[in-house]
Amino acid sequence: MADGLLSVFSIEAVGAVAAVLTTLCWIPQAARVIRTRETRAISLTTQVALTCGVVLWLVYGLFIGSWPLIGSNAVTLVLLGVILTMKLRYG
């Protein structure tokens, strides 16, 4: 029983660390776009596709009740939303 619990904890820990890293990586980009309002180098198609993908990951996380998926994708969605809004606004 203890081995199974440790295994589940380890899997959740890996998911949590991955979630934190892939979420935090968007902070510098969002901060730069807000500060400079420069978005020419950002692909609108890629940004829209990524945002849609994050929405789907968030929905999936809600369905399965995975807090690492829910938390990381909710924060990532906010950061991508800022970047996408700035891209639409400033081209």
PDB file of N, CA and C in Angstrom:
ATOM      1  N   MET A   1       0.822  -1.199   0.000  1.00  0.00           N
ATOM      2  CA  MET A   1       0.000   0.000   0.000  1.00  0.00           C
ATOM      3  C   MET A   1       0.865   1.262   0.000  1.00  0.00           C
ATOM      4  N   ALA A   2       1.910   1.275   0.813  1.00  0.00           N
ATOM      5  CA  ALA A   2       2.771   2.451   0.879  1.00  0.00           C
ATOM      6  C   ALA A   2       3.474   2.699  -0.446  1.00  0.00           C
ATOM      7  N   ASP A   3       3.874   1.612  -1.134  1.00  0.00           N
ATOM      8  CA  ASP A   3       4.529   1.777  -2.434  1.00  0.00           C
ATOM      9  C   ASP A   3       3.591   2.405  -3.452  1.00  0.00           C
ATOM     10  N   GLY A   4       2.325   2.016  -3.432  1.00  0.00           N
ATOM     11  CA  GLY A   4       1.345   2.581  -4.354  1.00  0.00           C
ATOM     12  C   GLY A   4       1.105   4.050  -4.081  1.00  0.00           C
ATOM     13  N   LEU A   5       1.044   4.399  -2.794  1.00  0.00           N
ATOM     14  CA  LEU A   5       0.845   5.797  -2.411  1.00  0.00           C
ATOM     15  C   LEU A   5       2.040   6.641  -2.824  1.00  0.00           C
ATOM     16  N   LEU A   6       3.245   6.112  -2.614  1.00  0.00           N
ATOM     17  CA  LEU A   6       4.457   6.824  -3.011  1.00  0.00           C
ATOM     18  C   LEU A   6       4.487   7.023  -4.516  1.00  0.00           C
ATOM     19  N   SER A   7       4.066   6.015  -5.248  1.00  0.00           N
ATOM     20  CA  SER A   7       4.044   6.103  -6.703  1.00  0.00           C
ATOM     21  C   SER A   7       3.076   7.191  -7.177  1.00  0.00           C
ATOM     22  N   VAL A   8       1.896   7.236  -6.591  1.00  0.00           N
ATOM     23  CA  VAL A   8       0.915   8.260  -6.945  1.00  0.00           C
ATOM     24  C   VAL A   8       1.455   9.647  -6.584  1.00  0.00           C
ATOM     25  N   PHE A   9       2.068   9.758  -5.391  1.00  0.00           N
ATOM     26  CA  PHE A   9       2.640  11.036  -4.971  1.00  0.00           C
ATOM     27  C   PHE A   9       3.737  11.470  -5.930  1.00  0.00           C
ATOM     28  N   SER A  10       4.589  10.535  -6.343  1.00  0.00           N
ATOM     29  CA  SER A  10       5.683  10.856  -7.266  1.00  0.00           C
ATOM     30  C   SER A  10       5.146  11.325  -8.615  1.00  0.00           C
ATOM     31  N   ILE A  11       4.117  10.669  -9.086  1.00  0.00           N
ATOM     32  CA  ILE A  11       3.522  11.053 -10.368  1.00  0.00           C
ATOM     33  C   ILE A  11       2.925  12.460 -10.264  1.00  0.00           C
ATOM     34  N   GLU A  12       2.206  12.738  -9.187  1.00  0.00           N
ATOM     35  CA  GLU A  12       1.631  14.068  -8.991  1.00  0.00           C
ATOM     36  C   GLU A  12       2.720  15.123  -8.825  1.00  0.00           C
ATOM     37  N   ALA A  13       3.813  14.768  -8.156  1.00  0.00           N
ATOM     38  CA  ALA A  13       4.923  15.714  -7.975  1.00  0.00           C
ATOM     39  C   ALA A  13       5.560  16.065  -9.313  1.00  0.00           C
ATOM     40  N   VAL A  14       5.755  15.067 -10.153  1.00  0.00           N
ATOM     41  CA  VAL A  14       6.308  15.321 -11.487  1.00  0.00           C
ATOM     42  C   VAL A  14       5.370  16.233 -12.268  1.00  0.00           C
ATOM     43  N   GLY A  15       4.080  15.954 -12.209  1.00  0.00           N
ATOM     44  CA  GLY A  15       3.101  16.797 -12.894  1.00  0.00           C
ATOM     45  C   GLY A  15       3.096  18.224 -12.361  1.00  0.00           C
ATOM     46  N   ALA A  16       3.215  18.368 -11.053  1.00  0.00           N
ATOM     47  CA  ALA A  16       3.219  19.700 -10.447  1.00  0.00           C
ATOM     48  C   ALA A  16       4.455  20.490 -10.855  1.00  0.00           C
ATOM     49  N   VAL A  17       5.614  19.855 -10.843  1.00  0.00           N
ATOM     50  CA  VAL A  17       6.849  20.547 -11.243  1.00  0.00           C
ATOM     51  C   VAL A  17       6.783  20.943 -12.721  1.00  0.00           C
ATOM     52  N   ALA A  18       6.317  20.032 -13.551  1.00  0.00           N
ATOM     53  CA  ALA A  18       6.175  20.342 -14.978  1.00  0.00           C
ATOM     54  C   ALA A  18       5.205  21.500 -15.183  1.00  0.00           C
ATOM     55  N   ALA A  19       4.118  21.496 -14.445  1.00  0.00           N
ATOM     56  CA  ALA A  19       3.119  22.556 -14.558  1.00  0.00           C
ATOM     57  C   ALA A  19       3.699  23.909 -14.169  1.00  0.00           C
ATOM     58  N   VAL A  20       4.441  23.946 -13.079  1.00  0.00           N
ATOM     59  CA  VAL A  20       5.048  25.202 -12.626  1.00  0.00           C
ATOM     60  C   VAL A  20       6.036  25.723 -13.665  1.00  0.00           C
ATOM     61  N   LEU A  21       6.892  24.845 -14.170  1.00  0.00           N
ATOM     62  CA  LEU A  21       7.897  25.280 -15.145  1.00  0.00           C
ATOM     63  C   LEU A  21       7.277  25.781 -16.441  1.00  0.00           C
ATOM     64  N   THR A  22       6.296  25.052 -16.972  1.00  0.00           N
ATOM     65  CA  THR A  22       5.708  25.461 -18.251  1.00  0.00           C
ATOM     66  C   THR A  22       4.792  26.668 -18.098  1.00  0.00           C
ATOM     67  N   THR A  23       4.350  26.943 -16.896  1.00  0.00           N
ATOM     68  CA  THR A  23       3.551  28.144 -16.652  1.00  0.00           C
ATOM     69  C   THR A  23       4.451  29.358 -16.484  1.00  0.00           C
ATOM     70  N   LEU A  24       5.486  29.211 -15.668  1.00  0.00           N
ATOM     71  CA  LEU A  24       6.379  30.335 -15.402  1.00  0.00           C
ATOM     72  C   LEU A  24       7.132  30.807 -16.644  1.00  0.00           C
ATOM     73  N   CYS A  25       7.318  29.944 -17.616  1.00  0.00           N
ATOM     74  CA  CYS A  25       8.069  30.334 -18.813  1.00  0.00           C
ATOM     75  C   CYS A  25       7.368  31.445 -19.595  1.00  0.00           C
ATOM     76  N   TRP A  26       6.068  31.640 -19.381  1.00  0.00           N
ATOM     77  CA  TRP A  26       5.330  32.674 -20.118  1.00  0.00           C
ATOM     78  C   TRP A  26       5.414  34.048 -19.462  1.00  0.00           C
ATOM     79  N   ILE A  27       5.849  34.105 -18.227  1.00  0.00           N
ATOM     80  CA  ILE A  27       5.921  35.398 -17.528  1.00  0.00           C
ATOM     81  C   ILE A  27       6.875  36.372 -18.221  1.00  0.00           C
ATOM     82  N   PRO A  28       8.107  35.970 -18.586  1.00  0.00           N
ATOM     83  CA  PRO A  28       8.987  36.937 -19.274  1.00  0.00           C
ATOM     84  C   PRO A  28       8.416  37.449 -20.595  1.00  0.00           C
ATOM     85  N   GLN A  29       7.777  36.554 -21.363  1.00  0.00           N
ATOM     86  CA  GLN A  29       7.199  36.982 -22.645  1.00  0.00           C
ATOM     87  C   GLN A  29       6.064  37.975 -22.430  1.00  0.00           C
ATOM     88  N   ALA A  30       5.166  37.664 -21.501  1.00  0.00           N
ATOM     89  CA  ALA A  30       4.050  38.569 -21.221  1.00  0.00           C
ATOM     90  C   ALA A  30       4.567  39.910 -20.711  1.00  0.00           C
ATOM     91  N   ALA A  31       5.541  39.878 -19.823  1.00  0.00           N
ATOM     92  CA  ALA A  31       6.100  41.127 -19.278  1.00  0.00           C
ATOM     93  C   ALA A  31       6.742  41.964 -20.382  1.00  0.00           C
ATOM     94  N   ARG A  32       7.468  41.315 -21.277  1.00  0.00           N
ATOM     95  CA  ARG A  32       8.118  42.035 -22.373  1.00  0.00           C
ATOM     96  C   ARG A  32       7.089  42.667 -23.307  1.00  0.00           C
ATOM     97  N   VAL A  33       6.055  41.919 -23.645  1.00  0.00           N
ATOM     98  CA  VAL A  33       5.018  42.436 -24.540  1.00  0.00           C
ATOM     99  C   VAL A  33       4.293  43.611 -23.887  1.00  0.00           C
ATOM    100  N   ILE A  34       4.005  43.509 -22.610  1.00  0.00           N
ATOM    101  CA  ILE A  34       3.346  44.610 -21.896  1.00  0.00           C
ATOM    102  C   ILE A  34       4.252  45.836 -21.872  1.00  0.00           C
ATOM    103  N   ARG A  35       5.538  45.618 -21.575  1.00  0.00           N
ATOM    104  CA  ARG A  35       6.488  46.727 -21.451  1.00  0.00           C
ATOM    105  C   ARG A  35       6.764  47.405 -22.789  1.00  0.00           C
ATOM    106  N   THR A  36       6.990  46.611 -23.851  1.00  0.00           N
ATOM    107  CA  THR A  36       7.410  47.184 -25.135  1.00  0.00           C
ATOM    108  C   THR A  36       6.277  47.374 -26.131  1.00  0.00           C
ATOM    109  N   ARG A  37       5.173  46.663 -25.935  1.00  0.00           N
ATOM    110  CA  ARG A  37       4.062  46.640 -26.880  1.00  0.00           C
ATOM    111  C   ARG A  37       4.500  46.165 -28.269  1.00  0.00           C
ATOM    112  N   GLU A  38       5.595  45.430 -28.308  1.00  0.00           N
ATOM    113  CA  GLU A  38       6.152  44.905 -29.550  1.00  0.00           C
ATOM    114  C   GLU A  38       5.711  43.453 -29.716  1.00  0.00           C
ATOM    115  N   THR A  39       4.945  43.181 -30.789  1.00  0.00           N
ATOM    116  CA  THR A  39       4.417  41.832 -31.003  1.00  0.00           C
ATOM    117  C   THR A  39       4.642  41.322 -32.426  1.00  0.00           C
ATOM    118  N   ARG A  40       5.402  42.052 -33.225  1.00  0.00           N
ATOM    119  CA  ARG A  40       5.582  41.653 -34.623  1.00  0.00           C
ATOM    120  C   ARG A  40       6.192  40.263 -34.767  1.00  0.00           C
ATOM    121  N   ALA A  41       7.058  39.874 -33.862  1.00  0.00           N
ATOM    122  CA  ALA A  41       7.739  38.581 -33.969  1.00  0.00           C
ATOM    123  C   ALA A  41       6.879  37.411 -33.475  1.00  0.00           C
ATOM    124  N   ILE A  42       5.699  37.702 -32.962  1.00  0.00           N
ATOM    125  CA  ILE A  42       4.824  36.658 -32.438  1.00  0.00           C
ATOM    126  C   ILE A  42       3.814  36.278 -33.516  1.00  0.00           C
ATOM    127  N   SER A  43       3.732  34.990 -33.813  1.00  0.00           N
ATOM    128  CA  SER A  43       2.802  34.489 -34.814  1.00  0.00           C
ATOM    129  C   SER A  43       1.385  34.454 -34.230  1.00  0.00           C
ATOM    130  N   LEU A  44       0.447  35.137 -34.887  1.00  0.00           N
ATOM    131  CA  LEU A  44      -0.941  35.141 -34.443  1.00  0.00           C
ATOM    132  C   LEU A  44      -1.539  33.732 -34.520  1.00  0.00           C
ATOM    133  N   THR A  45      -1.256  33.022 -35.603  1.00  0.00           N
ATOM    134  CA  THR A  45      -1.787  31.670 -35.767  1.00  0.00           C
ATOM    135  C   THR A  45      -1.310  30.753 -34.638  1.00  0.00           C
ATOM    136  N   THR A  46      -0.035  30.813 -34.334  1.00  0.00           N
ATOM    137  CA  THR A  46       0.518  29.992 -33.263  1.00  0.00           C
ATOM    138  C   THR A  46      -0.062  30.382 -31.916  1.00  0.00           C
ATOM    139  N   GLN A  47      -0.192  31.668 -31.680  1.00  0.00           N
ATOM    140  CA  GLN A  47      -0.718  32.143 -30.397  1.00  0.00           C
ATOM    141  C   GLN A  47      -2.174  31.716 -30.202  1.00  0.00           C
ATOM    142  N   VAL A  48      -2.975  31.803 -31.248  1.00  0.00           N
ATOM    143  CA  VAL A  48      -4.374  31.375 -31.163  1.00  0.00           C
ATOM    144  C   VAL A  48      -4.450  29.866 -30.937  1.00  0.00           C
ATOM    145  N   ALA A  49      -3.665  29.097 -31.685  1.00  0.00           N
ATOM    146  CA  ALA A  49      -3.673  27.643 -31.530  1.00  0.00           C
ATOM    147  C   ALA A  49      -3.227  27.240 -30.126  1.00  0.00           C
ATOM    148  N   LEU A  50      -2.182  27.869 -29.622  1.00  0.00           N
ATOM    149  CA  LEU A  50      -1.694  27.562 -28.279  1.00  0.00           C
ATOM    150  C   LEU A  50      -2.735  27.914 -27.222  1.00  0.00           C
ATOM    151  N   THR A  51      -3.367  29.059 -27.360  1.00  0.00           N
ATOM    152  CA  THR A  51      -4.406  29.473 -26.412  1.00  0.00           C
ATOM    153  C   THR A  51      -5.570  28.489 -26.427  1.00  0.00           C
ATOM    154  N   CYS A  52      -5.992  28.067 -27.613  1.00  0.00           N
ATOM    155  CA  CYS A  52      -7.074  27.067 -27.705  1.00  0.00           C
ATOM    156  C   CYS A  52      -6.655  25.751 -27.060  1.00  0.00           C
ATOM    157  N   GLY A  53      -5.419  25.344 -27.286  1.00  0.00           N
ATOM    158  CA  GLY A  53      -4.914  24.126 -26.675  1.00  0.00           C
ATOM    159  C   GLY A  53      -4.906  24.208 -25.157  1.00  0.00           C
ATOM    160  N   VAL A  54      -4.514  25.340 -24.621  1.00  0.00           N
ATOM    161  CA  VAL A  54      -4.491  25.533 -23.162  1.00  0.00           C
ATOM    162  C   VAL A  54      -5.916  25.502 -22.607  1.00  0.00           C
ATOM    163  N   VAL A  55      -6.864  26.091 -23.326  1.00  0.00           N
ATOM    164  CA  VAL A  55      -8.267  26.020 -22.889  1.00  0.00           C
ATOM    165  C   VAL A  55      -8.711  24.560 -22.811  1.00  0.00           C
ATOM    166  N   LEU A  56      -8.359  23.777 -23.814  1.00  0.00           N
ATOM    167  CA  LEU A  56      -8.741  22.367 -23.811  1.00  0.00           C
ATOM    168  C   LEU A  56      -8.059  21.594 -22.676  1.00  0.00           C
ATOM    169  N   TRP A  57      -6.782  21.885 -22.401  1.00  0.00           N
ATOM    170  CA  TRP A  57      -6.103  21.253 -21.267  1.00  0.00           C
ATOM    171  C   TRP A  57      -6.776  21.632 -19.956  1.00  0.00           C
ATOM    172  N   LEU A  58      -7.194  22.869 -19.845  1.00  0.00           N
ATOM    173  CA  LEU A  58      -7.887  23.324 -18.633  1.00  0.00           C
ATOM    174  C   LEU A  58      -9.211  22.573 -18.461  1.00  0.00           C
ATOM    175  N   VAL A  59      -9.973  22.447 -19.522  1.00  0.00           N
ATOM    176  CA  VAL A  59     -11.239  21.705 -19.475  1.00  0.00           C
ATOM    177  C   VAL A  59     -10.978  20.253 -19.100  1.00  0.00           C
ATOM    178  N   TYR A  60      -9.971  19.645 -19.701  1.00  0.00           N
ATOM    179  CA  TYR A  60      -9.607  18.271 -19.383  1.00  0.00           C
ATOM    180  C   TYR A  60      -9.239  18.144 -17.897  1.00  0.00           C
ATOM    181  N   GLY A  61      -8.438  19.075 -17.404  1.00  0.00           N
ATOM    182  CA  GLY A  61      -8.059  19.069 -15.996  1.00  0.00           C
ATOM    183  C   GLY A  61      -9.268  19.178 -15.084  1.00  0.00           C
ATOM    184  N   LEU A  62     -10.231  19.995 -15.465  1.00  0.00           N
ATOM    185  CA  LEU A  62     -11.459  20.121 -14.680  1.00  0.00           C
ATOM    186  C   LEU A  62     -12.247  18.812 -14.681  1.00  0.00           C
ATOM    187  N   PHE A  63     -12.317  18.161 -15.828  1.00  0.00           N
ATOM    188  CA  PHE A  63     -13.046  16.893 -15.920  1.00  0.00           C
ATOM    189  C   PHE A  63     -12.433  15.799 -15.045  1.00  0.00           C
ATOM    190  N   ILE A  64     -11.101  15.738 -15.018  1.00  0.00           N
ATOM    191  CA  ILE A  64     -10.462  14.665 -14.248  1.00  0.00           C
ATOM    192  C   ILE A  64     -10.074  15.099 -12.839  1.00  0.00           C
ATOM    193  N   GLY A  65     -10.273  16.377 -12.524  1.00  0.00           N
ATOM    194  CA  GLY A  65      -9.978  16.871 -11.183  1.00  0.00           C
ATOM    195  C   GLY A  65      -8.499  16.925 -10.856  1.00  0.00           C
ATOM    196  N   SER A  66      -7.669  17.248 -11.828  1.00  0.00           N
ATOM    197  CA  SER A  66      -6.220  17.316 -11.620  1.00  0.00           C
ATOM    198  C   SER A  66      -5.807  18.757 -11.332  1.00  0.00           C
ATOM    199  N   TRP A  67      -5.482  19.031 -10.055  1.00  0.00           N
ATOM    200  CA  TRP A  67      -5.128  20.393  -9.674  1.00  0.00           C
ATOM    201  C   TRP A  67      -3.880  20.921 -10.370  1.00  0.00           C
ATOM    202  N   PRO A  68      -2.848  20.101 -10.617  1.00  0.00           N
ATOM    203  CA  PRO A  68      -1.717  20.638 -11.387  1.00  0.00           C
ATOM    204  C   PRO A  68      -2.138  21.110 -12.783  1.00  0.00           C
ATOM    205  N   LEU A  69      -3.001  20.345 -13.453  1.00  0.00           N
ATOM    206  CA  LEU A  69      -3.486  20.749 -14.773  1.00  0.00           C
ATOM    207  C   LEU A  69      -4.376  21.987 -14.690  1.00  0.00           C
ATOM    208  N   ILE A  70      -5.260  22.011 -13.720  1.00  0.00           N
ATOM    209  CA  ILE A  70      -6.184  23.136 -13.584  1.00  0.00           C
ATOM    210  C   ILE A  70      -5.430  24.419 -13.267  1.00  0.00           C
ATOM    211  N   GLY A  71      -4.600  24.369 -12.242  1.00  0.00           N
ATOM    212  CA  GLY A  71      -3.884  25.567 -11.804  1.00  0.00           C
ATOM    213  C   GLY A  71      -2.942  26.109 -12.849  1.00  0.00           C
ATOM    214  N   SER A  72      -2.125  25.230 -13.411  1.00  0.00           N
ATOM    215  CA  SER A  72      -1.137  25.701 -14.378  1.00  0.00           C
ATOM    216  C   SER A  72      -1.788  26.228 -15.644  1.00  0.00           C
ATOM    217  N   ASN A  73      -2.817  25.551 -16.125  1.00  0.00           N
ATOM    218  CA  ASN A  73      -3.456  26.007 -17.353  1.00  0.00           C
ATOM    219  C   ASN A  73      -4.303  27.250 -17.142  1.00  0.00           C
ATOM    220  N   ALA A  74      -4.856  27.438 -15.960  1.00  0.00           N
ATOM    221  CA  ALA A  74      -5.591  28.677 -15.677  1.00  0.00           C
ATOM    222  C   ALA A  74      -4.635  29.874 -15.687  1.00  0.00           C
ATOM    223  N   VAL A  75      -3.491  29.723 -15.031  1.00  0.00           N
ATOM    224  CA  VAL A  75      -2.505  30.819 -15.006  1.00  0.00           C
ATOM    225  C   VAL A  75      -1.926  31.036 -16.401  1.00  0.00           C
ATOM    226  N   THR A  76      -1.598  29.941 -17.088  1.00  0.00           N
ATOM    227  CA  THR A  76      -1.067  30.064 -18.447  1.00  0.00           C
ATOM    228  C   THR A  76      -2.070  30.738 -19.363  1.00  0.00           C
ATOM    229  N   LEU A  77      -3.340  30.429 -19.205  1.00  0.00           N
ATOM    230  CA  LEU A  77      -4.378  31.051 -20.030  1.00  0.00           C
ATOM    231  C   LEU A  77      -4.420  32.561 -19.815  1.00  0.00           C
ATOM    232  N   VAL A  78      -4.276  32.997 -18.585  1.00  0.00           N
ATOM    233  CA  VAL A  78      -4.239  34.435 -18.312  1.00  0.00           C
ATOM    234  C   VAL A  78      -3.038  35.083 -19.006  1.00  0.00           C
ATOM    235  N   LEU A  79      -1.866  34.467 -18.866  1.00  0.00           N
ATOM    236  CA  LEU A  79      -0.655  35.025 -19.493  1.00  0.00           C
ATOM    237  C   LEU A  79      -0.765  35.029 -21.013  1.00  0.00           C
ATOM    238  N   LEU A  80      -1.253  33.921 -21.585  1.00  0.00           N
ATOM    239  CA  LEU A  80      -1.428  33.879 -23.039  1.00  0.00           C
ATOM    240  C   LEU A  80      -2.507  34.845 -23.502  1.00  0.00           C
ATOM    241  N   GLY A  81      -3.519  35.022 -22.671  1.00  0.00           N
ATOM    242  CA  GLY A  81      -4.565  35.987 -22.999  1.00  0.00           C
ATOM    243  C   GLY A  81      -4.015  37.403 -23.100  1.00  0.00           C
ATOM    244  N   VAL A  82      -3.112  37.739 -22.195  1.00  0.00           N
ATOM    245  CA  VAL A  82      -2.462  39.060 -22.251  1.00  0.00           C
ATOM    246  C   VAL A  82      -1.669  39.187 -23.542  1.00  0.00           C
ATOM    247  N   ILE A  83      -0.864  38.171 -23.848  1.00  0.00           N
ATOM    248  CA  ILE A  83      -0.039  38.221 -25.058  1.00  0.00           C
ATOM    249  C   ILE A  83      -0.921  38.291 -26.311  1.00  0.00           C
ATOM    250  N   LEU A  84      -1.958  37.459 -26.371  1.00  0.00           N
ATOM    251  CA  LEU A  84      -2.855  37.454 -27.522  1.00  0.00           C
ATOM    252  C   LEU A  84      -3.588  38.781 -27.675  1.00  0.00           C
ATOM    253  N   THR A  85      -4.055  39.346 -26.580  1.00  0.00           N
ATOM    254  CA  THR A  85      -4.724  40.650 -26.623  1.00  0.00           C
ATOM    255  C   THR A  85      -3.783  41.729 -27.147  1.00  0.00           C
ATOM    256  N   MET A  86      -2.550  41.713 -26.655  1.00  0.00           N
ATOM    257  CA  MET A  86      -1.582  42.711 -27.116  1.00  0.00           C
ATOM    258  C   MET A  86      -1.255  42.495 -28.603  1.00  0.00           C
ATOM    259  N   LYS A  87      -1.179  41.232 -29.025  1.00  0.00           N
ATOM    260  CA  LYS A  87      -0.918  40.943 -30.438  1.00  0.00           C
ATOM    261  C   LYS A  87      -2.052  41.464 -31.305  1.00  0.00           C
ATOM    262  N   LEU A  88      -3.284  41.247 -30.889  1.00  0.00           N
ATOM    263  CA  LEU A  88      -4.433  41.729 -31.662  1.00  0.00           C
ATOM    264  C   LEU A  88      -4.490  43.251 -31.662  1.00  0.00           C
ATOM    265  N   ARG A  89      -4.108  43.847 -30.565  1.00  0.00           N
ATOM    266  CA  ARG A  89      -4.182  45.300 -30.435  1.00  0.00           C
ATOM    267  C   ARG A  89      -3.064  46.025 -31.171  1.00  0.00           C
ATOM    268  N   TYR A  90      -1.850  45.490 -31.070  1.00  0.00           N
ATOM    269  CA  TYR A  90      -0.694  46.189 -31.624  1.00  0.00           C
ATOM    270  C   TYR A  90      -0.087  45.542 -32.856  1.00  0.00           C
ATOM    271  N   GLY A  91      -0.660  44.421 -33.295  1.00  0.00           N
ATOM    272  CA  GLY A  91      -0.210  43.764 -34.511  1.00  0.00           C
ATOM    273  C   GLY A  91       1.105  43.111 -34.350  1.00  0.00           C
TER     274      GLY A  91
END
